[in-house]
Every structure is written in structure tokens, then in C-alpha cells.
């Protein structure tokens, strides 16, 4: 019998949670200063890690690809263009 390990999500998480296709983690969005990025929390209790490093994006929805190698996003990009 395996020991149970509690995984705690980052208190900054907002929105949809998605299990990774391999079932070993949970992906969740974090919004800081109006920008969303996706993080992965391993279910074995290990430290979370940032999957994306966007500088101007608001994520509305996301989904794993069938093979679990990438994520598809529905997002809004905020661009500031100086002329």
C-alpha cells in the first residue's frame, strides 16, 4: 500500500483546474498584474512549476492535446504599440 501525499495548490490559482493526461499533476492558471500563466502542481506533493511565461495574456480556457505534449489556449493578448 502506498502512502498518501497531499498536494496543495498555489493560493494564487484562479479559474479552471485540469488534470494532466498522465494523471500525475493538476494544471491551473495564475493571474498576476493582469497577466495569466499556467502552472503545474504534481500530485506527489512536489513543488509547482510554471509552464508558461506570458507577459501580456488573459487565458479564458485551455485544454491538453490528446498526446499530453502541449496545451491549446483561448486567450486575449494585450499589445501596446508605440508609433
PDB file of N, CA and C in Angstrom:
ATOM      1  N   UNK A   1       0.828  -1.176   0.000  1.00  0.00           N
ATOM      2  CA  UNK A   1       0.000   0.000   0.000  1.00  0.00           C
ATOM      3  C   UNK A   1       0.874   1.241   0.000  1.00  0.00           C
ATOM      4  N   UNK A   2       0.540   2.212  -0.860  1.00  0.00           N
ATOM      5  CA  UNK A   2       1.320   3.438  -0.968  1.00  0.00           C
ATOM      6  C   UNK A   2       0.859   4.458   0.057  1.00  0.00           C
ATOM      7  N   UNK A   3       1.807   5.299   0.506  1.00  0.00           N
ATOM      8  CA  UNK A   3       1.454   6.384   1.412  1.00  0.00           C
ATOM      9  C   UNK A   3       0.761   7.490   0.637  1.00  0.00           C
ATOM     10  N   UNK A   4      -0.252   8.074   1.230  1.00  0.00           N
ATOM     11  CA  UNK A   4      -0.960   9.196   0.612  1.00  0.00           C
ATOM     12  C   UNK A   4      -0.140  10.464   0.812  1.00  0.00           C
ATOM     13  N   UNK A   5      -0.081  11.282  -0.211  1.00  0.00           N
ATOM     14  CA  UNK A   5       0.614  12.557  -0.146  1.00  0.00           C
ATOM     15  C   UNK A   5      -0.362  13.647  -0.526  1.00  0.00           C
ATOM     16  N   UNK A   6      -0.390  14.698   0.234  1.00  0.00           N
ATOM     17  CA  UNK A   6      -1.291  15.812  -0.065  1.00  0.00           C
ATOM     18  C   UNK A   6      -0.577  16.819  -0.953  1.00  0.00           C
ATOM     19  N   UNK A   7      -1.228  17.182  -2.039  1.00  0.00           N
ATOM     20  CA  UNK A   7      -0.704  18.222  -2.916  1.00  0.00           C
ATOM     21  C   UNK A   7      -1.518  19.486  -2.651  1.00  0.00           C
ATOM     22  N   UNK A   8      -0.841  20.591  -2.428  1.00  0.00           N
ATOM     23  CA  UNK A   8      -1.519  21.845  -2.149  1.00  0.00           C
ATOM     24  C   UNK A   8      -1.324  22.788  -3.312  1.00  0.00           C
ATOM     25  N   UNK A   9      -2.442  23.310  -3.827  1.00  0.00           N
ATOM     26  CA  UNK A   9      -2.363  24.269  -4.929  1.00  0.00           C
ATOM     27  C   UNK A   9      -1.906  25.628  -4.433  1.00  0.00           C
ATOM     28  N   UNK A  10      -1.234  26.328  -5.305  1.00  0.00           N
ATOM     29  CA  UNK A  10      -0.813  27.694  -5.072  1.00  0.00           C
ATOM     30  C   UNK A  10      -2.044  28.541  -4.720  1.00  0.00           C
ATOM     31  N   UNK A  11      -1.954  29.348  -3.699  1.00  0.00           N
ATOM     32  CA  UNK A  11      -3.095  30.165  -3.277  1.00  0.00           C
ATOM     33  C   UNK A  11      -3.473  31.218  -4.321  1.00  0.00           C
ATOM     34  N   UNK A  12      -2.606  31.455  -5.306  1.00  0.00           N
ATOM     35  CA  UNK A  12      -2.884  32.440  -6.351  1.00  0.00           C
ATOM     36  C   UNK A  12      -3.726  31.879  -7.487  1.00  0.00           C
ATOM     37  N   UNK A  13      -4.031  30.586  -7.481  1.00  0.00           N
ATOM     38  CA  UNK A  13      -4.734  29.990  -8.628  1.00  0.00           C
ATOM     39  C   UNK A  13      -6.111  30.613  -8.813  1.00  0.00           C
ATOM     40  N   UNK A  14      -6.471  30.770 -10.077  1.00  0.00           N
ATOM     41  CA  UNK A  14      -7.772  31.304 -10.467  1.00  0.00           C
ATOM     42  C   UNK A  14      -8.281  30.494 -11.642  1.00  0.00           C
ATOM     43  N   UNK A  15      -9.546  30.147 -11.626  1.00  0.00           N
ATOM     44  CA  UNK A  15     -10.138  29.524 -12.804  1.00  0.00           C
ATOM     45  C   UNK A  15     -10.056  28.018 -12.826  1.00  0.00           C
ATOM     46  N   UNK A  16     -10.069  27.499 -14.046  1.00  0.00           N
ATOM     47  CA  UNK A  16     -10.206  26.071 -14.315  1.00  0.00           C
ATOM     48  C   UNK A  16      -8.985  25.262 -13.893  1.00  0.00           C
ATOM     49  N   UNK A  17      -9.245  24.119 -13.300  1.00  0.00           N
ATOM     50  CA  UNK A  17      -8.194  23.158 -12.992  1.00  0.00           C
ATOM     51  C   UNK A  17      -8.310  22.017 -13.985  1.00  0.00           C
ATOM     52  N   UNK A  18      -7.182  21.509 -14.452  1.00  0.00           N
ATOM     53  CA  UNK A  18      -7.181  20.386 -15.388  1.00  0.00           C
ATOM     54  C   UNK A  18      -6.145  19.369 -14.933  1.00  0.00           C
ATOM     55  N   UNK A  19      -6.557  18.105 -14.872  1.00  0.00           N
ATOM     56  CA  UNK A  19      -5.587  17.048 -14.607  1.00  0.00           C
ATOM     57  C   UNK A  19      -4.698  16.882 -15.827  1.00  0.00           C
ATOM     58  N   UNK A  20      -3.428  16.611 -15.597  1.00  0.00           N
ATOM     59  CA  UNK A  20      -2.534  16.303 -16.708  1.00  0.00           C
ATOM     60  C   UNK A  20      -2.960  14.957 -17.293  1.00  0.00           C
ATOM     61  N   UNK A  21      -2.715  14.733 -18.587  1.00  0.00           N
ATOM     62  CA  UNK A  21      -3.132  13.474 -19.217  1.00  0.00           C
ATOM     63  C   UNK A  21      -2.561  12.223 -18.548  1.00  0.00           C
ATOM     64  N   UNK A  22      -1.373  12.344 -17.958  1.00  0.00           N
ATOM     65  CA  UNK A  22      -0.788  11.173 -17.286  1.00  0.00           C
ATOM     66  C   UNK A  22      -1.340  10.988 -15.869  1.00  0.00           C
ATOM     67  N   UNK A  23      -2.193  11.939 -15.417  1.00  0.00           N
ATOM     68  CA  UNK A  23      -2.803  11.831 -14.095  1.00  0.00           C
ATOM     69  C   UNK A  23      -1.872  12.142 -12.938  1.00  0.00           C
ATOM     70  N   UNK A  24      -0.691  12.679 -13.239  1.00  0.00           N
ATOM     71  CA  UNK A  24       0.291  12.931 -12.191  1.00  0.00           C
ATOM     72  C   UNK A  24       0.318  14.366 -11.687  1.00  0.00           C
ATOM     73  N   UNK A  25      -0.521  15.232 -12.262  1.00  0.00           N
ATOM     74  CA  UNK A  25      -0.493  16.624 -11.839  1.00  0.00           C
ATOM     75  C   UNK A  25      -1.775  17.355 -12.196  1.00  0.00           C
ATOM     76  N   UNK A  26      -1.885  18.567 -11.684  1.00  0.00           N
ATOM     77  CA  UNK A  26      -3.003  19.451 -11.976  1.00  0.00           C
ATOM     78  C   UNK A  26      -2.437  20.751 -12.532  1.00  0.00           C
ATOM     79  N   UNK A  27      -3.011  21.206 -13.640  1.00  0.00           N
ATOM     80  CA  UNK A  27      -2.623  22.484 -14.233  1.00  0.00           C
ATOM     81  C   UNK A  27      -3.669  23.512 -13.833  1.00  0.00           C
ATOM     82  N   UNK A  28      -3.194  24.705 -13.519  1.00  0.00           N
ATOM     83  CA  UNK A  28      -4.091  25.772 -13.098  1.00  0.00           C
ATOM     84  C   UNK A  28      -3.525  27.125 -13.534  1.00  0.00           C
ATOM     85  N   UNK A  29      -4.410  28.107 -13.784  1.00  0.00           N
ATOM     86  CA  UNK A  29      -3.945  29.437 -14.150  1.00  0.00           C
ATOM     87  C   UNK A  29      -3.684  30.303 -12.912  1.00  0.00           C
ATOM     88  N   UNK A  30      -2.699  31.172 -13.026  1.00  0.00           N
ATOM     89  CA  UNK A  30      -2.389  32.176 -12.009  1.00  0.00           C
ATOM     90  C   UNK A  30      -2.383  33.529 -12.707  1.00  0.00           C
ATOM     91  N   UNK A  31      -3.110  34.486 -12.143  1.00  0.00           N
ATOM     92  CA  UNK A  31      -3.126  35.842 -12.703  1.00  0.00           C
ATOM     93  C   UNK A  31      -2.358  36.772 -11.778  1.00  0.00           C
ATOM     94  N   UNK A  32      -1.315  37.397 -12.335  1.00  0.00           N
ATOM     95  CA  UNK A  32      -0.528  38.389 -11.612  1.00  0.00           C
ATOM     96  C   UNK A  32      -0.404  39.633 -12.484  1.00  0.00           C
ATOM     97  N   UNK A  33      -0.769  40.777 -11.916  1.00  0.00           N
ATOM     98  CA  UNK A  33      -0.696  42.062 -12.616  1.00  0.00           C
ATOM     99  C   UNK A  33      -1.445  42.013 -13.943  1.00  0.00           C
ATOM    100  N   UNK A  34      -2.599  41.310 -13.971  1.00  0.00           N
ATOM    101  CA  UNK A  34      -3.435  41.244 -15.158  1.00  0.00           C
ATOM    102  C   UNK A  34      -2.974  40.265 -16.222  1.00  0.00           C
ATOM    103  N   UNK A  35      -1.943  39.481 -15.939  1.00  0.00           N
ATOM    104  CA  UNK A  35      -1.398  38.515 -16.903  1.00  0.00           C
ATOM    105  C   UNK A  35      -1.568  37.100 -16.356  1.00  0.00           C
ATOM    106  N   UNK A  36      -2.081  36.215 -17.200  1.00  0.00           N
ATOM    107  CA  UNK A  36      -2.278  34.814 -16.801  1.00  0.00           C
ATOM    108  C   UNK A  36      -1.129  33.940 -17.285  1.00  0.00           C
ATOM    109  N   UNK A  37      -0.756  32.987 -16.454  1.00  0.00           N
ATOM    110  CA  UNK A  37       0.183  31.934 -16.826  1.00  0.00           C
ATOM    111  C   UNK A  37      -0.303  30.630 -16.233  1.00  0.00           C
ATOM    112  N   UNK A  38       0.098  29.531 -16.842  1.00  0.00           N
ATOM    113  CA  UNK A  38      -0.312  28.205 -16.378  1.00  0.00           C
ATOM    114  C   UNK A  38       0.800  27.567 -15.550  1.00  0.00           C
ATOM    115  N   UNK A  39       0.391  26.927 -14.472  1.00  0.00           N
ATOM    116  CA  UNK A  39       1.301  26.245 -13.561  1.00  0.00           C
ATOM    117  C   UNK A  39       0.892  24.784 -13.438  1.00  0.00           C
ATOM    118  N   UNK A  40       1.846  23.929 -13.133  1.00  0.00           N
ATOM    119  CA  UNK A  40       1.601  22.503 -12.922  1.00  0.00           C
ATOM    120  C   UNK A  40       1.964  22.148 -11.489  1.00  0.00           C
ATOM    121  N   UNK A  41       1.000  21.548 -10.774  1.00  0.00           N
ATOM    122  CA  UNK A  41       1.240  21.061  -9.416  1.00  0.00           C
ATOM    123  C   UNK A  41       1.261  19.537  -9.445  1.00  0.00           C
ATOM    124  N   UNK A  42       2.427  18.919  -9.203  1.00  0.00           N
ATOM    125  CA  UNK A  42       2.480  17.463  -9.150  1.00  0.00           C
ATOM    126  C   UNK A  42       1.639  16.941  -7.982  1.00  0.00           C
ATOM    127  N   UNK A  43       0.961  15.836  -8.193  1.00  0.00           N
ATOM    128  CA  UNK A  43       0.138  15.256  -7.141  1.00  0.00           C
ATOM    129  C   UNK A  43       0.949  14.509  -6.092  1.00  0.00           C
ATOM    130  N   UNK A  44       2.246  14.330  -6.351  1.00  0.00           N
ATOM    131  CA  UNK A  44       3.088  13.660  -5.360  1.00  0.00           C
ATOM    132  C   UNK A  44       3.551  14.614  -4.260  1.00  0.00           C
ATOM    133  N   UNK A  45       3.088  15.885  -4.322  1.00  0.00           N
ATOM    134  CA  UNK A  45       3.445  16.852  -3.292  1.00  0.00           C
ATOM    135  C   UNK A  45       4.673  17.662  -3.620  1.00  0.00           C
ATOM    136  N   UNK A  46       5.279  17.438  -4.779  1.00  0.00           N
ATOM    137  CA  UNK A  46       6.455  18.206  -5.180  1.00  0.00           C
ATOM    138  C   UNK A  46       6.105  19.672  -5.444  1.00  0.00           C
ATOM    139  N   UNK A  47       7.117  20.499  -5.679  1.00  0.00           N
ATOM    140  CA  UNK A  47       6.869  21.919  -5.910  1.00  0.00           C
ATOM    141  C   UNK A  47       6.184  22.163  -7.255  1.00  0.00           C
ATOM    142  N   UNK A  48       5.330  23.184  -7.296  1.00  0.00           N
ATOM    143  CA  UNK A  48       4.691  23.545  -8.562  1.00  0.00           C
ATOM    144  C   UNK A  48       5.715  24.212  -9.470  1.00  0.00           C
ATOM    145  N   UNK A  49       5.421  24.177 -10.774  1.00  0.00           N
ATOM    146  CA  UNK A  49       6.327  24.840 -11.725  1.00  0.00           C
ATOM    147  C   UNK A  49       5.511  25.559 -12.783  1.00  0.00           C
ATOM    148  N   UNK A  50       6.044  26.674 -13.235  1.00  0.00           N
ATOM    149  CA  UNK A  50       5.376  27.485 -14.247  1.00  0.00           C
ATOM    150  C   UNK A  50       5.559  26.838 -15.618  1.00  0.00           C
ATOM    151  N   UNK A  51       4.455  26.622 -16.334  1.00  0.00           N
ATOM    152  CA  UNK A  51       4.512  26.037 -17.671  1.00  0.00           C
ATOM    153  C   UNK A  51       4.632  27.089 -18.754  1.00  0.00           C
ATOM    154  N   UNK A  52       4.051  28.269 -18.509  1.00  0.00           N
ATOM    155  CA  UNK A  52       4.102  29.352 -19.487  1.00  0.00           C
ATOM    156  C   UNK A  52       4.705  30.581 -18.828  1.00  0.00           C
ATOM    157  N   UNK A  53       5.203  31.485 -19.663  1.00  0.00           N
ATOM    158  CA  UNK A  53       5.793  32.719 -19.149  1.00  0.00           C
ATOM    159  C   UNK A  53       5.338  33.889 -20.013  1.00  0.00           C
ATOM    160  N   UNK A  54       4.028  34.085 -20.075  1.00  0.00           N
ATOM    161  CA  UNK A  54       3.469  35.165 -20.874  1.00  0.00           C
ATOM    162  C   UNK A  54       3.652  36.495 -20.157  1.00  0.00           C
ATOM    163  N   UNK A  55       3.760  37.564 -20.940  1.00  0.00           N
ATOM    164  CA  UNK A  55       3.901  38.901 -20.364  1.00  0.00           C
ATOM    165  C   UNK A  55       2.665  39.758 -20.596  1.00  0.00           C
ATOM    166  N   UNK A  56       1.753  39.319 -21.460  1.00  0.00           N
ATOM    167  CA  UNK A  56       0.524  40.088 -21.701  1.00  0.00           C
ATOM    168  C   UNK A  56      -0.543  39.163 -22.286  1.00  0.00           C
ATOM    169  N   UNK A  57      -1.212  38.421 -21.416  1.00  0.00           N
ATOM    170  CA  UNK A  57      -2.192  37.457 -21.894  1.00  0.00           C
ATOM    171  C   UNK A  57      -3.237  37.214 -20.808  1.00  0.00           C
ATOM    172  N   UNK A  58      -4.487  37.087 -21.245  1.00  0.00           N
ATOM    173  CA  UNK A  58      -5.570  36.675 -20.348  1.00  0.00           C
ATOM    174  C   UNK A  58      -6.120  35.367 -20.898  1.00  0.00           C
ATOM    175  N   UNK A  59      -6.020  34.296 -20.121  1.00  0.00           N
ATOM    176  CA  UNK A  59      -6.449  32.971 -20.563  1.00  0.00           C
ATOM    177  C   UNK A  59      -7.916  32.773 -20.195  1.00  0.00           C
ATOM    178  N   UNK A  60      -8.727  32.461 -21.210  1.00  0.00           N
ATOM    179  CA  UNK A  60     -10.143  32.186 -20.981  1.00  0.00           C
ATOM    180  C   UNK A  60     -10.399  30.700 -20.795  1.00  0.00           C
ATOM    181  N   UNK A  61      -9.668  29.876 -21.517  1.00  0.00           N
ATOM    182  CA  UNK A  61      -9.840  28.435 -21.434  1.00  0.00           C
ATOM    183  C   UNK A  61      -8.568  27.769 -21.949  1.00  0.00           C
ATOM    184  N   UNK A  62      -8.348  26.542 -21.552  1.00  0.00           N
ATOM    185  CA  UNK A  62      -7.204  25.775 -22.054  1.00  0.00           C
ATOM    186  C   UNK A  62      -7.537  24.295 -21.989  1.00  0.00           C
ATOM    187  N   UNK A  63      -6.850  23.529 -22.820  1.00  0.00           N
ATOM    188  CA  UNK A  63      -7.102  22.089 -22.886  1.00  0.00           C
ATOM    189  C   UNK A  63      -5.824  21.377 -23.312  1.00  0.00           C
ATOM    190  N   UNK A  64      -5.566  20.233 -22.736  1.00  0.00           N
ATOM    191  CA  UNK A  64      -4.420  19.421 -23.132  1.00  0.00           C
ATOM    192  C   UNK A  64      -4.646  18.834 -24.525  1.00  0.00           C
ATOM    193  N   UNK A  65      -3.576  18.665 -25.270  1.00  0.00           N
ATOM    194  CA  UNK A  65      -3.649  17.917 -26.523  1.00  0.00           C
ATOM    195  C   UNK A  65      -3.842  16.444 -26.168  1.00  0.00           C
ATOM    196  N   UNK A  66      -4.386  15.643 -27.095  1.00  0.00           N
ATOM    197  CA  UNK A  66      -4.615  14.222 -26.798  1.00  0.00           C
ATOM    198  C   UNK A  66      -3.349  13.469 -26.367  1.00  0.00           C
ATOM    199  N   UNK A  67      -2.186  13.867 -26.915  1.00  0.00           N
ATOM    200  CA  UNK A  67      -0.949  13.167 -26.547  1.00  0.00           C
ATOM    201  C   UNK A  67      -0.310  13.720 -25.269  1.00  0.00           C
ATOM    202  N   UNK A  68      -0.884  14.803 -24.707  1.00  0.00           N
ATOM    203  CA  UNK A  68      -0.373  15.370 -23.462  1.00  0.00           C
ATOM    204  C   UNK A  68       0.907  16.157 -23.590  1.00  0.00           C
ATOM    205  N   UNK A  69       1.326  16.474 -24.816  1.00  0.00           N
ATOM    206  CA  UNK A  69       2.588  17.177 -25.018  1.00  0.00           C
ATOM    207  C   UNK A  69       2.438  18.687 -25.136  1.00  0.00           C
ATOM    208  N   UNK A  70       1.201  19.168 -25.302  1.00  0.00           N
ATOM    209  CA  UNK A  70       1.004  20.615 -25.433  1.00  0.00           C
ATOM    210  C   UNK A  70      -0.370  21.009 -24.922  1.00  0.00           C
ATOM    211  N   UNK A  71      -0.539  22.304 -24.763  1.00  0.00           N
ATOM    212  CA  UNK A  71      -1.807  22.865 -24.313  1.00  0.00           C
ATOM    213  C   UNK A  71      -2.326  23.828 -25.368  1.00  0.00           C
ATOM    214  N   UNK A  72      -3.624  23.788 -25.626  1.00  0.00           N
ATOM    215  CA  UNK A  72      -4.268  24.749 -26.520  1.00  0.00           C
ATOM    216  C   UNK A  72      -4.935  25.800 -25.635  1.00  0.00           C
ATOM    217  N   UNK A  73      -4.831  27.066 -26.044  1.00  0.00           N
ATOM    218  CA  UNK A  73      -5.375  28.169 -25.247  1.00  0.00           C
ATOM    219  C   UNK A  73      -6.386  28.970 -26.041  1.00  0.00           C
ATOM    220  N   UNK A  74      -7.423  29.442 -25.347  1.00  0.00           N
ATOM    221  CA  UNK A  74      -8.282  30.503 -25.853  1.00  0.00           C
ATOM    222  C   UNK A  74      -7.916  31.690 -24.979  1.00  0.00           C
ATOM    223  N   UNK A  75      -7.355  32.726 -25.599  1.00  0.00           N
ATOM    224  CA  UNK A  75      -6.796  33.821 -24.806  1.00  0.00           C
ATOM    225  C   UNK A  75      -6.946  35.155 -25.515  1.00  0.00           C
ATOM    226  N   UNK A  76      -6.769  36.197 -24.719  1.00  0.00           N
ATOM    227  CA  UNK A  76      -6.764  37.573 -25.221  1.00  0.00           C
ATOM    228  C   UNK A  76      -5.366  38.130 -24.991  1.00  0.00           C
ATOM    229  N   UNK A  77      -4.772  38.652 -26.061  1.00  0.00           N
ATOM    230  CA  UNK A  77      -3.432  39.219 -25.963  1.00  0.00           C
ATOM    231  C   UNK A  77      -3.550  40.730 -25.861  1.00  0.00           C
ATOM    232  N   UNK A  78      -2.814  41.311 -24.930  1.00  0.00           N
ATOM    233  CA  UNK A  78      -2.795  42.760 -24.752  1.00  0.00           C
ATOM    234  C   UNK A  78      -1.498  43.295 -25.343  1.00  0.00           C
ATOM    235  N   UNK A  79      -1.623  44.056 -26.411  1.00  0.00           N
ATOM    236  CA  UNK A  79      -0.451  44.619 -27.072  1.00  0.00           C
ATOM    237  C   UNK A  79      -0.451  46.134 -26.907  1.00  0.00           C
ATOM    238  N   UNK A  80       0.701  46.669 -26.683  1.00  0.00           N
ATOM    239  CA  UNK A  80       0.861  48.113 -26.638  1.00  0.00           C
ATOM    240  C   UNK A  80       1.853  48.480 -27.732  1.00  0.00           C
ATOM    241  N   UNK A  81       1.371  49.214 -28.718  1.00  0.00           N
ATOM    242  CA  UNK A  81       2.207  49.574 -29.869  1.00  0.00           C
ATOM    243  C   UNK A  81       2.419  51.078 -29.866  1.00  0.00           C
ATOM    244  N   UNK A  82       3.664  51.473 -29.864  1.00  0.00           N
ATOM    245  CA  UNK A  82       4.007  52.902 -29.904  1.00  0.00           C
ATOM    246  C   UNK A  82       4.367  53.270 -31.339  1.00  0.00           C
ATOM    247  N   UNK A  83       3.812  54.359 -31.829  1.00  0.00           N
ATOM    248  CA  UNK A  83       4.102  54.829 -33.195  1.00  0.00           C
ATOM    249  C   UNK A  83       4.851  56.133 -33.153  1.00  0.00           C
TER     250      UNK A  83
END
